[in-house]
Amino acid sequence: MRVVFSEAQPRAPWLRFVLRNFVVYNPMFVFSALLALAGAFLINPPGADGGRDLLPTAQLFGVIQLYELALLGAAWLLRRRARGADPFAPQTRDVRFLVLVSAPFLLDVTFTTSSLGVSLLNEFGQRAALGFGAALVVCALLKVQLAIHLVGVRFSLLERAALVLGPAAATCTPLIGGALAQEGNVLWVAPVLGAVIAALVAVFGALAGGEGSAWVMRRLAPLALIATAVHACSTVYAYDGPLLQTLGLGVIALGYALPRLAPLGAWAAPARVVLPWVGAFACGLPVGADRGALGWTAGLACALAVHAGLFARTRELRYLAGALAAIYLGSAGTTLPGSFQAVGTRAIEPALLLGLVALGGWRGVAAGRLAGPLLLAALLAARLELLGGTALDVALGWNVLGLGVLAWALRDFGRGPQGAFVRASGILLCVIPSGVAVLCDAPGALAWTGALIAILAAAAALTRLPAFAFPVLLLPVELASEHAPTSAAAWGALGLAAAFCGLAAGVAISLNRERALAWLDASEDPDHAKRSVIASEGSSAAVAPG
């Protein structure tokens, strides 16, 4: 068809501007899509019960399918006309725009495909619905292949599969929900459809992080995910299910995929930590005993999978901490309130925190990041009454903190003088609280203090830092205070025993005086022995006959 334009030009500048942009950008495709959407909703609105009649829905389904084919046919015609033209030419741009306009209809934005599938499920059973769903997937595959050919972008096999998964998920989620409801598994509708959304998010996130045509996946992902989420939430709402459980699983998956789907920059790491827990809490909100337990379990399982996968890929401790927290909360209770009521009541909590601190210290994580878990482990060790609920439990908390400070000092400062204050602080945190526990007559305090001093003595031997061994001097004092004589005769016997020990020590010193003096001279001046040998050799040479 040839259109003949008049030679007369509009005189108003604004009118020429409007007409020129109208011709260049051609918004008629958008107007056509909006009219199709409005007509679909006006012809067959949902009934009072939320459903639609089978015959009108089937007729409207056929019309919408013809409209999708018309969009793709128009794109194919313009593609033939624009073959060999500039990629930025108006006709080439129109081809891509037509494909983009057809994408919402492929995702069943009119709800005609899903409504027809649910009507077939209710009227003819699951076999008819299964056959209809399989036919829809095949049709979606053919339409997507044609759209890819028209756009002219190269896609890998996995990317082609992901592009088909979008229409398939948006269309089949109502069928999945209806089939579960017919089998009496209404409680599973929300988590299963949420798992579909989460799987689609993970697929698009995995494919959007590459090169080449990944930019197309990043642009199409919001459209496919929103359409699938709308269909899933509509189905869950129809069966009075919890919408937050359905959306929560998708939010958990966004913790893995969002930094790839959108440029978050410095917010990428916090988003990966926060989003899985936001989704897990949304899944576990109390909406009934059975639903809450099922949603909380599913949310923790997905959060564990996301954090474990991120830790395996990045080896960052924040994701390991998230995975351990998911395991712990899952073992603490079956519901969100039950899990958090058990927090702070189990002996494994300080052990997990100390293991995390030890791993972070071994991998060289900054001390500031390890301070929080270390302090929390010390508080829990003092609060849990692991040693009988006495002053010894308070000492245990301070000892945990002191040993952590000592480990930090040895790792960052070694034997250097700049770490002397930190080492001294750690030793005091280890010794003083235990001494206070001994003075308070806490059961087992003496044995605990002796073991702690032995640990410090071993640290002194291994690191060659005598300051660690100073607390050993407290052990005889504690033993004497614990087993001191209580009568004059006992003190006299102790004095006689000390006299014999003193006599034996004096004899030992007299027998080894020369060796002791030589050892002291060598310790004060390492070159003293060498100079003594040289001097003795020189004097011998002087008196020798020439």
Protein backbone atom coordinates (compact mmCIF):
# COMPACT_ATOMS: atom_id res chain seq x y z
CA MET A 1 0.00 0.00 0.00
CA ARG A 2 1.39 3.40 -1.03
CA VAL A 3 0.57 6.51 0.94
CA VAL A 4 0.72 9.85 -0.89
CA PHE A 5 1.48 12.92 1.25
CA SER A 6 0.50 16.41 0.27
CA GLU A 7 3.26 18.89 -0.55
CA ALA A 8 1.75 21.39 1.89
CA GLN A 9 3.68 21.44 5.18
CA PRO A 10 2.12 22.40 8.50
CA ARG A 11 3.09 25.92 9.43
CA ALA A 12 3.10 25.66 13.24
CA PRO A 13 6.57 24.63 14.53
CA TRP A 14 5.12 22.66 17.44
CA LEU A 15 2.86 20.73 15.07
CA ARG A 16 5.79 19.85 12.81
CA PHE A 17 7.72 18.70 15.91
CA VAL A 18 4.87 16.47 17.09
CA LEU A 19 4.27 14.95 13.65
CA ARG A 20 7.96 14.33 13.07
CA ASN A 21 8.42 12.50 16.37
CA PHE A 22 5.17 10.60 15.80
CA VAL A 23 6.47 9.31 12.47
CA VAL A 24 10.01 8.59 13.71
CA TYR A 25 9.12 6.74 16.91
CA ASN A 26 5.75 5.33 15.76
CA PRO A 27 3.81 4.88 19.04
CA MET A 28 0.99 3.04 17.29
CA PHE A 29 2.38 -0.32 18.43
CA VAL A 30 1.95 0.72 22.07
CA PHE A 31 -1.55 2.05 21.40
CA SER A 32 -2.45 -1.22 19.73
CA ALA A 33 -1.22 -3.27 22.70
CA LEU A 34 -3.11 -1.08 25.18
CA LEU A 35 -6.30 -1.44 23.16
CA ALA A 36 -5.87 -5.23 23.07
CA LEU A 37 -5.41 -5.34 26.84
CA ALA A 38 -8.45 -3.18 27.48
CA GLY A 39 -10.58 -5.23 25.11
CA ALA A 40 -9.52 -8.50 26.75
CA PHE A 41 -10.49 -7.32 30.22
CA LEU A 42 -13.76 -5.78 29.07
CA ILE A 43 -14.94 -8.80 27.09
CA ASN A 44 -14.34 -11.42 29.76
CA PRO A 45 -14.05 -9.96 33.27
CA PRO A 46 -13.76 -12.35 36.24
CA GLY A 47 -16.98 -13.51 37.81
CA ALA A 48 -18.10 -13.09 41.40
CA ASP A 49 -16.17 -16.19 42.47
CA GLY A 50 -12.99 -15.03 40.67
CA GLY A 51 -13.34 -17.54 37.81
CA ARG A 52 -14.29 -17.18 34.13
CA ASP A 53 -16.64 -19.10 31.88
CA LEU A 54 -15.02 -21.72 29.68
CA LEU A 55 -16.47 -20.85 26.24
CA PRO A 56 -15.87 -17.05 26.29
CA THR A 57 -12.40 -17.64 27.72
CA ALA A 58 -11.56 -20.09 24.93
CA GLN A 59 -12.76 -17.63 22.29
CA LEU A 60 -10.76 -14.78 23.81
CA PHE A 61 -7.72 -17.08 24.07
CA GLY A 62 -7.90 -17.72 20.34
CA VAL A 63 -8.15 -14.00 19.60
CA ILE A 64 -5.14 -13.19 21.79
CA GLN A 65 -3.11 -15.94 20.12
CA LEU A 66 -3.97 -14.46 16.72
CA TYR A 67 -2.90 -11.03 17.99
CA GLU A 68 0.46 -12.41 19.16
CA LEU A 69 0.99 -13.99 15.75
CA ALA A 70 0.03 -10.69 14.12
CA LEU A 71 2.67 -8.85 16.15
CA LEU A 72 5.34 -11.37 15.23
CA GLY A 73 4.17 -11.34 11.59
CA ALA A 74 4.45 -7.56 11.45
CA ALA A 75 7.94 -7.79 12.92
CA TRP A 76 8.89 -10.43 10.31
CA LEU A 77 7.61 -8.21 7.48
CA LEU A 78 9.56 -5.19 8.72
CA ARG A 79 12.60 -7.41 9.20
CA ARG A 80 12.54 -8.39 5.55
CA ARG A 81 12.25 -4.76 4.47
CA ALA A 82 15.10 -3.70 6.77
CA ARG A 83 17.49 -6.51 5.84
CA GLY A 84 21.00 -5.14 5.41
CA ALA A 85 20.07 -1.74 6.84
CA ASP A 86 21.77 0.11 9.66
CA PRO A 87 21.10 -1.55 13.08
CA PHE A 88 19.90 1.85 14.33
CA ALA A 89 17.61 2.49 11.37
CA PRO A 90 13.93 3.24 12.18
CA GLN A 91 12.62 0.00 10.65
CA THR A 92 15.17 -2.11 12.56
CA ARG A 93 14.18 -0.32 15.75
CA ASP A 94 10.52 -1.02 14.98
CA VAL A 95 11.27 -4.74 14.65
CA ARG A 96 12.79 -4.90 18.11
CA PHE A 97 10.02 -2.74 19.53
CA LEU A 98 7.37 -5.07 18.12
CA VAL A 99 9.11 -8.05 19.72
CA LEU A 100 9.21 -6.16 23.01
CA VAL A 101 5.49 -5.35 22.72
CA SER A 102 4.71 -9.04 22.15
CA ALA A 103 6.64 -10.09 25.28
CA PRO A 104 3.85 -9.20 27.77
CA PHE A 105 1.34 -11.18 25.74
CA LEU A 106 3.70 -14.17 25.71
CA LEU A 107 3.76 -13.82 29.50
CA ASP A 108 -0.05 -13.95 29.58
CA VAL A 109 -0.59 -10.41 30.78
CA THR A 110 -4.29 -10.75 29.81
CA PHE A 111 -4.75 -13.83 32.06
CA THR A 112 -6.62 -15.58 29.26
CA THR A 113 -4.23 -18.52 28.96
CA SER A 114 -4.07 -19.20 32.70
CA SER A 115 -7.85 -18.77 33.04
CA LEU A 116 -8.48 -21.25 30.25
CA GLY A 117 -6.08 -23.74 31.83
CA VAL A 118 -7.82 -23.49 35.22
CA SER A 119 -11.24 -23.86 33.55
CA LEU A 120 -10.05 -27.01 31.74
CA LEU A 121 -8.66 -28.33 35.02
CA ASN A 122 -11.96 -27.82 36.80
CA GLU A 123 -14.12 -29.16 33.94
CA PHE A 124 -12.07 -32.07 32.55
CA GLY A 125 -9.46 -32.93 35.18
CA GLN A 126 -5.71 -32.91 35.44
CA ARG A 127 -4.98 -34.83 32.22
CA ALA A 128 -6.65 -32.20 30.07
CA ALA A 129 -4.86 -29.43 31.95
CA LEU A 130 -1.52 -31.26 31.62
CA GLY A 131 -1.97 -31.64 27.86
CA PHE A 132 -2.97 -28.00 27.53
CA GLY A 133 0.09 -26.91 29.52
CA ALA A 134 2.42 -29.03 27.38
CA ALA A 135 0.93 -27.53 24.21
CA LEU A 136 1.40 -24.03 25.63
CA VAL A 137 5.06 -24.70 26.39
CA VAL A 138 5.64 -25.93 22.83
CA CYS A 139 3.89 -22.85 21.41
CA ALA A 140 5.92 -20.58 23.68
CA LEU A 141 9.10 -22.28 22.48
CA LEU A 142 8.21 -21.67 18.85
CA LYS A 143 7.23 -18.04 19.47
CA VAL A 144 10.40 -17.33 21.44
CA GLN A 145 12.54 -18.90 18.71
CA LEU A 146 10.86 -16.71 16.12
CA ALA A 147 11.31 -13.60 18.28
CA ILE A 148 15.02 -14.40 18.76
CA HIS A 149 15.44 -14.78 15.02
CA LEU A 150 13.74 -11.45 14.37
CA VAL A 151 15.79 -9.55 16.95
CA GLY A 152 19.05 -10.85 15.52
CA VAL A 153 20.84 -11.37 18.86
CA ARG A 154 22.83 -14.56 19.45
CA PHE A 155 21.72 -16.53 22.52
CA SER A 156 23.22 -19.64 24.04
CA LEU A 157 21.15 -22.77 24.60
CA LEU A 158 20.73 -21.98 28.30
CA GLU A 159 19.63 -18.43 27.55
CA ARG A 160 17.05 -19.70 25.07
CA ALA A 161 15.76 -22.10 27.70
CA ALA A 162 15.50 -19.25 30.23
CA LEU A 163 13.53 -17.14 27.78
CA VAL A 164 11.07 -20.01 27.38
CA LEU A 165 10.89 -20.56 31.14
CA GLY A 166 9.39 -17.09 31.65
CA PRO A 167 6.20 -17.68 29.62
CA ALA A 168 5.99 -21.28 30.82
CA ALA A 169 6.18 -20.30 34.50
CA ALA A 170 3.70 -17.44 34.13
CA THR A 171 1.23 -19.72 32.37
CA CYS A 172 1.63 -22.91 34.38
CA THR A 173 1.66 -21.54 37.93
CA PRO A 174 -2.18 -21.40 38.09
CA LEU A 175 -2.31 -24.98 36.81
CA ILE A 176 0.17 -26.13 39.47
CA GLY A 177 -1.79 -24.38 42.21
CA GLY A 178 -5.10 -25.81 41.01
CA ALA A 179 -3.67 -29.35 40.80
CA LEU A 180 -2.29 -29.13 44.36
CA ALA A 181 -5.63 -27.84 45.64
CA GLN A 182 -7.52 -30.70 43.97
CA GLU A 183 -5.21 -33.22 45.65
CA GLY A 184 -5.95 -31.65 49.05
CA ASN A 185 -2.52 -30.05 49.42
CA VAL A 186 -3.68 -26.45 49.80
CA LEU A 187 -0.93 -25.74 52.34
CA TRP A 188 1.68 -26.46 49.68
CA VAL A 189 0.33 -23.99 47.10
CA ALA A 190 2.15 -20.95 48.50
CA PRO A 191 5.61 -22.54 49.06
CA VAL A 192 5.57 -24.45 45.75
CA LEU A 193 4.68 -21.38 43.69
CA GLY A 194 7.22 -19.38 45.70
CA ALA A 195 9.82 -22.00 44.79
CA VAL A 196 8.91 -21.50 41.10
CA ILE A 197 9.56 -17.76 41.45
CA ALA A 198 12.83 -18.40 43.31
CA ALA A 199 14.02 -20.85 40.63
CA LEU A 200 13.25 -18.34 37.88
CA VAL A 201 15.11 -15.61 39.78
CA ALA A 202 18.13 -17.89 40.19
CA VAL A 203 18.16 -18.82 36.49
CA PHE A 204 17.99 -15.21 35.28
CA GLY A 205 20.57 -14.17 37.87
CA ALA A 206 23.00 -16.87 36.76
CA LEU A 207 22.66 -15.94 33.08
CA ALA A 208 22.66 -12.15 33.58
CA GLY A 209 26.15 -12.09 35.03
CA GLY A 210 27.96 -13.10 31.85
CA GLU A 211 28.94 -11.32 28.69
CA GLY A 212 27.51 -11.10 25.18
CA SER A 213 23.73 -11.24 25.26
CA ALA A 214 23.54 -11.05 29.07
CA TRP A 215 22.28 -7.47 28.77
CA VAL A 216 19.11 -8.81 27.13
CA MET A 217 18.59 -11.17 30.05
CA ARG A 218 18.99 -8.29 32.50
CA ARG A 219 16.36 -6.24 30.65
CA LEU A 220 13.86 -9.06 30.22
CA ALA A 221 14.26 -10.44 33.76
CA PRO A 222 12.03 -7.83 35.48
CA LEU A 223 9.22 -8.42 32.99
CA ALA A 224 9.34 -12.21 33.33
CA LEU A 225 9.69 -12.16 37.12
CA ILE A 226 6.88 -9.64 37.69
CA ALA A 227 4.51 -11.54 35.41
CA THR A 228 5.28 -14.85 37.15
CA ALA A 229 4.92 -13.27 40.60
CA VAL A 230 1.54 -11.75 39.68
CA HIS A 231 0.20 -15.08 38.41
CA ALA A 232 1.54 -16.93 41.44
CA CYS A 233 0.14 -14.43 43.93
CA SER A 234 -3.25 -14.42 42.19
CA THR A 235 -3.39 -18.20 42.48
CA VAL A 236 -2.34 -18.17 46.15
CA TYR A 237 -4.90 -15.47 46.91
CA ALA A 238 -7.63 -17.52 45.25
CA TYR A 239 -6.94 -20.34 47.74
CA ASP A 240 -6.64 -18.00 50.77
CA GLY A 241 -2.94 -18.67 51.06
CA PRO A 242 -0.24 -16.42 52.59
CA LEU A 243 1.13 -14.13 49.90
CA LEU A 244 4.23 -13.28 51.96
CA GLN A 245 5.39 -16.88 51.81
CA THR A 246 5.17 -16.86 48.03
CA LEU A 247 7.00 -13.57 47.66
CA GLY A 248 9.45 -14.32 50.47
CA LEU A 249 11.09 -17.20 48.61
CA GLY A 250 11.59 -14.94 45.61
CA VAL A 251 13.16 -12.26 47.82
CA ILE A 252 15.58 -14.86 49.21
CA ALA A 253 16.65 -15.76 45.68
CA LEU A 254 17.08 -12.06 44.90
CA GLY A 255 19.82 -12.00 47.52
CA TYR A 256 21.85 -14.10 45.09
CA ALA A 257 20.66 -12.65 41.79
CA LEU A 258 19.95 -8.95 42.38
CA PRO A 259 23.60 -7.75 42.23
CA ARG A 260 23.79 -9.41 38.81
CA LEU A 261 20.47 -8.13 37.57
CA ALA A 262 21.04 -4.52 38.68
CA PRO A 263 24.21 -2.44 39.23
CA LEU A 264 24.16 -1.97 43.02
CA GLY A 265 27.81 -1.04 43.47
CA ALA A 266 28.72 -0.81 47.16
CA TRP A 267 25.24 -2.01 48.16
CA ALA A 268 25.73 -5.43 46.53
CA ALA A 269 27.32 -7.12 49.57
CA PRO A 270 24.76 -5.80 52.11
CA ALA A 271 21.91 -6.79 49.77
CA ARG A 272 23.21 -10.35 49.56
CA VAL A 273 23.28 -10.58 53.35
CA VAL A 274 20.00 -8.80 54.16
CA LEU A 275 17.62 -9.97 51.41
CA PRO A 276 17.74 -13.71 52.28
CA TRP A 277 16.82 -12.94 55.88
CA VAL A 278 14.06 -10.52 54.90
CA GLY A 279 12.58 -13.24 52.72
CA ALA A 280 12.98 -15.91 55.42
CA PHE A 281 11.22 -13.74 58.01
CA ALA A 282 8.43 -13.02 55.52
CA CYS A 283 7.99 -16.75 54.98
CA GLY A 284 7.92 -17.47 58.71
CA LEU A 285 5.40 -14.85 59.82
CA PRO A 286 2.71 -16.57 61.92
CA VAL A 287 -0.26 -17.15 59.61
CA GLY A 288 -1.47 -20.32 61.26
CA ALA A 289 0.44 -23.14 62.91
CA ASP A 290 0.78 -25.38 59.86
CA ARG A 291 1.39 -22.64 57.31
CA GLY A 292 3.85 -20.79 59.56
CA ALA A 293 5.91 -23.92 60.25
CA LEU A 294 6.03 -24.88 56.57
CA GLY A 295 6.94 -21.38 55.41
CA TRP A 296 9.64 -20.91 58.08
CA THR A 297 11.25 -24.24 57.21
CA ALA A 298 11.19 -23.47 53.49
CA GLY A 299 12.55 -19.95 54.05
CA LEU A 300 15.45 -21.16 56.19
CA ALA A 301 16.28 -23.89 53.67
CA CYS A 302 16.42 -21.35 50.83
CA ALA A 303 18.44 -18.87 52.93
CA LEU A 304 20.89 -21.67 53.77
CA ALA A 305 21.24 -22.58 50.09
CA VAL A 306 21.89 -18.96 49.08
CA HIS A 307 24.45 -18.29 51.82
CA ALA A 308 26.21 -21.62 51.30
CA GLY A 309 26.44 -21.01 47.56
CA LEU A 310 27.82 -17.50 48.07
CA PHE A 311 30.38 -18.77 50.61
CA ALA A 312 31.50 -21.52 48.25
CA ARG A 313 32.01 -18.93 45.52
CA THR A 314 33.49 -16.00 47.47
CA ARG A 315 34.89 -17.61 50.67
CA GLU A 316 33.67 -14.63 52.70
CA LEU A 317 32.89 -15.25 56.35
CA ARG A 318 29.68 -13.19 56.32
CA TYR A 319 28.03 -15.84 54.15
CA LEU A 320 29.37 -18.66 56.32
CA ALA A 321 27.86 -16.90 59.33
CA GLY A 322 24.54 -16.65 57.50
CA ALA A 323 24.58 -20.36 56.66
CA LEU A 324 25.41 -21.31 60.27
CA ALA A 325 22.65 -19.02 61.55
CA ALA A 326 20.12 -20.69 59.22
CA ILE A 327 21.18 -24.14 60.45
CA TYR A 328 20.99 -23.06 64.06
CA LEU A 329 17.56 -21.41 63.78
CA GLY A 330 16.23 -24.42 61.91
CA SER A 331 17.39 -26.76 64.68
CA ALA A 332 16.09 -24.45 67.43
CA GLY A 333 12.42 -24.52 66.42
CA THR A 334 9.92 -25.23 63.68
CA THR A 335 8.36 -21.75 63.69
CA LEU A 336 9.81 -18.26 63.70
CA PRO A 337 8.73 -17.44 67.30
CA GLY A 338 9.86 -20.86 68.51
CA SER A 339 13.32 -20.49 66.96
CA PHE A 340 13.93 -17.08 68.50
CA GLN A 341 12.63 -18.15 71.90
CA ALA A 342 15.43 -20.73 71.96
CA VAL A 343 18.14 -18.19 71.09
CA GLY A 344 20.58 -17.71 73.95
CA THR A 345 19.65 -20.95 75.74
CA ARG A 346 21.90 -23.53 74.06
CA ALA A 347 25.52 -24.37 74.81
CA ILE A 348 26.36 -24.73 71.12
CA GLU A 349 25.93 -21.00 70.50
CA PRO A 350 29.24 -19.78 72.03
CA ALA A 351 31.00 -22.75 70.44
CA LEU A 352 29.72 -21.75 66.97
CA LEU A 353 30.71 -18.13 67.53
CA LEU A 354 34.18 -19.05 68.74
CA GLY A 355 34.63 -21.36 65.76
CA LEU A 356 33.70 -18.48 63.47
CA VAL A 357 36.15 -16.18 65.29
CA ALA A 358 38.90 -18.77 65.04
CA LEU A 359 38.32 -19.25 61.32
CA GLY A 360 38.31 -15.49 60.77
CA GLY A 361 41.51 -15.07 62.74
CA TRP A 362 43.19 -17.83 60.77
CA ARG A 363 42.16 -16.22 57.48
CA GLY A 364 43.39 -12.79 58.53
CA VAL A 365 40.07 -11.00 58.99
CA ALA A 366 40.42 -7.60 60.69
CA ALA A 367 40.09 -7.64 64.47
CA GLY A 368 37.25 -5.09 64.37
CA ARG A 369 35.04 -7.53 62.45
CA LEU A 370 35.79 -10.34 64.88
CA ALA A 371 35.10 -8.24 67.98
CA GLY A 372 31.31 -8.61 67.71
CA PRO A 373 31.20 -12.44 67.59
CA LEU A 374 33.87 -12.64 70.30
CA LEU A 375 31.97 -10.35 72.68
CA LEU A 376 28.72 -12.20 72.00
CA ALA A 377 30.42 -15.54 72.70
CA ALA A 378 31.80 -14.18 75.98
CA LEU A 379 28.37 -12.90 77.06
CA LEU A 380 26.69 -16.18 76.19
CA ALA A 381 29.38 -18.15 78.02
CA ALA A 382 28.70 -16.09 81.15
CA ARG A 383 24.89 -16.23 80.76
CA LEU A 384 24.31 -19.90 80.02
CA GLU A 385 25.54 -21.08 83.46
CA LEU A 386 27.63 -23.83 81.94
CA LEU A 387 29.67 -24.30 85.15
CA GLY A 388 26.93 -24.36 87.75
CA GLY A 389 25.59 -20.81 87.87
CA THR A 390 28.26 -19.41 90.19
CA ALA A 391 30.92 -16.73 89.94
CA LEU A 392 32.91 -19.19 87.85
CA ASP A 393 30.49 -18.66 84.94
CA VAL A 394 31.20 -14.93 85.02
CA ALA A 395 34.91 -15.73 85.10
CA LEU A 396 34.41 -18.04 82.12
CA GLY A 397 32.97 -15.19 80.06
CA TRP A 398 35.92 -12.94 80.89
CA ASN A 399 38.34 -15.79 80.16
CA VAL A 400 36.85 -16.29 76.72
CA LEU A 401 37.30 -12.60 76.00
CA GLY A 402 40.85 -12.64 77.36
CA LEU A 403 41.90 -15.63 75.27
CA GLY A 404 40.46 -13.94 72.19
CA VAL A 405 42.47 -10.79 72.95
CA LEU A 406 45.62 -12.87 73.38
CA ALA A 407 45.03 -14.65 70.07
CA TRP A 408 44.55 -11.30 68.35
CA ALA A 409 47.77 -9.93 69.90
CA LEU A 410 49.80 -12.95 68.80
CA ARG A 411 48.41 -12.85 65.27
CA ASP A 412 48.82 -9.13 64.59
CA PHE A 413 51.84 -8.21 66.76
CA GLY A 414 53.66 -11.46 67.49
CA ARG A 415 56.47 -10.93 70.01
CA GLY A 416 56.89 -7.26 69.12
CA PRO A 417 56.84 -4.57 71.82
CA GLN A 418 53.89 -2.80 70.17
CA GLY A 419 51.61 -5.66 71.27
CA ALA A 420 52.75 -5.68 74.91
CA PHE A 421 49.73 -3.76 76.20
CA VAL A 422 47.27 -5.98 74.32
CA ARG A 423 48.98 -9.13 75.60
CA ALA A 424 48.97 -7.81 79.16
CA SER A 425 45.27 -6.98 78.86
CA GLY A 426 44.50 -10.50 77.68
CA ILE A 427 46.48 -12.04 80.55
CA LEU A 428 44.67 -9.89 83.11
CA LEU A 429 41.29 -10.82 81.62
CA CYS A 430 42.26 -14.46 81.99
CA VAL A 431 43.71 -14.38 85.51
CA ILE A 432 41.87 -11.74 87.56
CA PRO A 433 38.28 -13.05 87.07
CA SER A 434 39.42 -16.58 87.89
CA GLY A 435 41.17 -15.30 91.03
CA VAL A 436 37.95 -13.54 92.05
CA ALA A 437 36.08 -16.79 91.56
CA VAL A 438 38.57 -18.51 93.87
CA LEU A 439 38.11 -15.83 96.53
CA CYS A 440 34.33 -16.29 96.24
CA ASP A 441 34.77 -20.03 97.00
CA ALA A 442 33.07 -21.02 93.75
CA PRO A 443 33.02 -24.82 93.36
CA GLY A 444 35.74 -25.95 90.98
CA ALA A 445 37.29 -22.48 90.73
CA LEU A 446 40.73 -23.66 91.87
CA ALA A 447 40.87 -26.46 89.33
CA TRP A 448 39.62 -24.12 86.57
CA THR A 449 42.24 -21.48 87.49
CA GLY A 450 45.00 -24.09 87.56
CA ALA A 451 44.07 -25.32 84.09
CA LEU A 452 43.98 -21.77 82.78
CA ILE A 453 47.41 -20.99 84.24
CA ALA A 454 48.76 -24.18 82.69
CA ILE A 455 47.44 -22.99 79.31
CA LEU A 456 49.23 -19.68 79.77
CA ALA A 457 52.43 -21.47 80.75
CA ALA A 458 52.22 -23.56 77.56
CA ALA A 459 51.68 -20.35 75.56
CA ALA A 460 54.80 -18.90 77.21
CA ALA A 461 56.83 -21.94 76.21
CA LEU A 462 55.57 -21.97 72.62
CA THR A 463 55.86 -18.24 71.96
CA ARG A 464 58.92 -17.54 74.15
CA LEU A 465 57.12 -14.67 75.82
CA PRO A 466 57.84 -14.86 79.58
CA ALA A 467 54.89 -12.59 80.39
CA PHE A 468 52.56 -15.50 79.72
CA ALA A 469 54.32 -17.51 82.44
CA PHE A 470 53.99 -14.87 85.19
CA PRO A 471 50.51 -16.09 86.24
CA VAL A 472 52.14 -19.45 87.08
CA LEU A 473 53.47 -17.74 90.23
CA LEU A 474 49.88 -17.41 91.41
CA LEU A 475 49.39 -21.15 91.51
CA PRO A 476 51.51 -21.75 94.68
CA VAL A 477 49.78 -18.80 96.32
CA GLU A 478 46.37 -20.26 95.52
CA LEU A 479 47.44 -23.71 96.72
CA ALA A 480 48.82 -22.21 99.94
CA SER A 481 45.65 -20.23 100.53
CA GLU A 482 43.54 -23.32 99.90
CA HIS A 483 45.62 -25.71 102.08
CA ALA A 484 47.18 -23.34 104.64
CA PRO A 485 47.86 -24.78 108.13
CA THR A 486 45.24 -24.08 110.78
CA SER A 487 47.25 -24.70 113.99
CA ALA A 488 50.63 -23.77 115.52
CA ALA A 489 51.85 -27.37 115.36
CA ALA A 490 51.01 -27.54 111.67
CA TRP A 491 52.85 -24.31 110.99
CA GLY A 492 55.86 -25.70 112.97
CA ALA A 493 55.88 -28.86 110.87
CA LEU A 494 55.73 -26.75 107.72
CA GLY A 495 58.69 -24.69 108.99
CA LEU A 496 60.77 -27.82 109.63
CA ALA A 497 59.99 -29.15 106.16
CA ALA A 498 60.96 -25.80 104.64
CA ALA A 499 64.26 -25.92 106.64
CA PHE A 500 65.18 -29.28 105.14
CA CYS A 501 64.27 -27.99 101.66
CA GLY A 502 66.43 -24.90 102.24
CA LEU A 503 69.36 -27.01 103.33
CA ALA A 504 69.09 -29.19 100.24
CA ALA A 505 68.92 -26.10 98.05
CA GLY A 506 72.06 -24.66 99.70
CA VAL A 507 74.04 -27.86 99.11
CA ALA A 508 72.92 -27.92 95.44
CA ILE A 509 74.04 -24.35 94.94
CA SER A 510 77.46 -25.00 96.51
CA LEU A 511 78.04 -28.01 94.30
CA ASN A 512 77.08 -26.17 91.12
CA ARG A 513 78.39 -22.67 91.89
CA GLU A 514 80.88 -22.48 89.01
CA ARG A 515 78.39 -23.68 86.45
CA ALA A 516 75.76 -21.30 87.77
CA LEU A 517 78.14 -18.33 87.59
CA ALA A 518 79.18 -19.21 84.05
CA TRP A 519 75.52 -19.53 83.01
CA LEU A 520 74.72 -16.15 84.55
CA ASP A 521 77.69 -14.48 82.81
CA ALA A 522 76.69 -16.00 79.49
CA SER A 523 73.09 -14.86 79.92
CA GLU A 524 74.17 -11.30 80.69
CA ASP A 525 76.80 -11.11 77.89
CA PRO A 526 76.56 -13.73 75.15
CA ASP A 527 80.12 -12.84 73.95
CA HIS A 528 81.64 -13.33 77.45
CA ALA A 529 82.40 -17.02 76.96
CA LYS A 530 83.93 -16.40 73.53
CA ARG A 531 86.22 -13.70 74.91
CA SER A 532 87.22 -15.94 77.81
CA VAL A 533 88.27 -18.69 75.41
CA ILE A 534 90.27 -16.26 73.25
CA ALA A 535 91.98 -14.80 76.34
CA SER A 536 92.90 -18.22 77.63
CA GLU A 537 94.35 -19.22 74.25
CA GLY A 538 96.36 -15.98 74.10
CA SER A 539 97.88 -16.49 77.56
CA SER A 540 98.82 -20.04 76.67
CA ALA A 541 100.61 -18.89 73.51
CA ALA A 542 102.52 -16.24 75.50
CA VAL A 543 104.04 -18.72 77.94
CA ALA A 544 104.77 -21.38 75.34
CA PRO A 545 108.48 -21.77 74.32
CA GLY A 546 109.37 -19.96 71.11
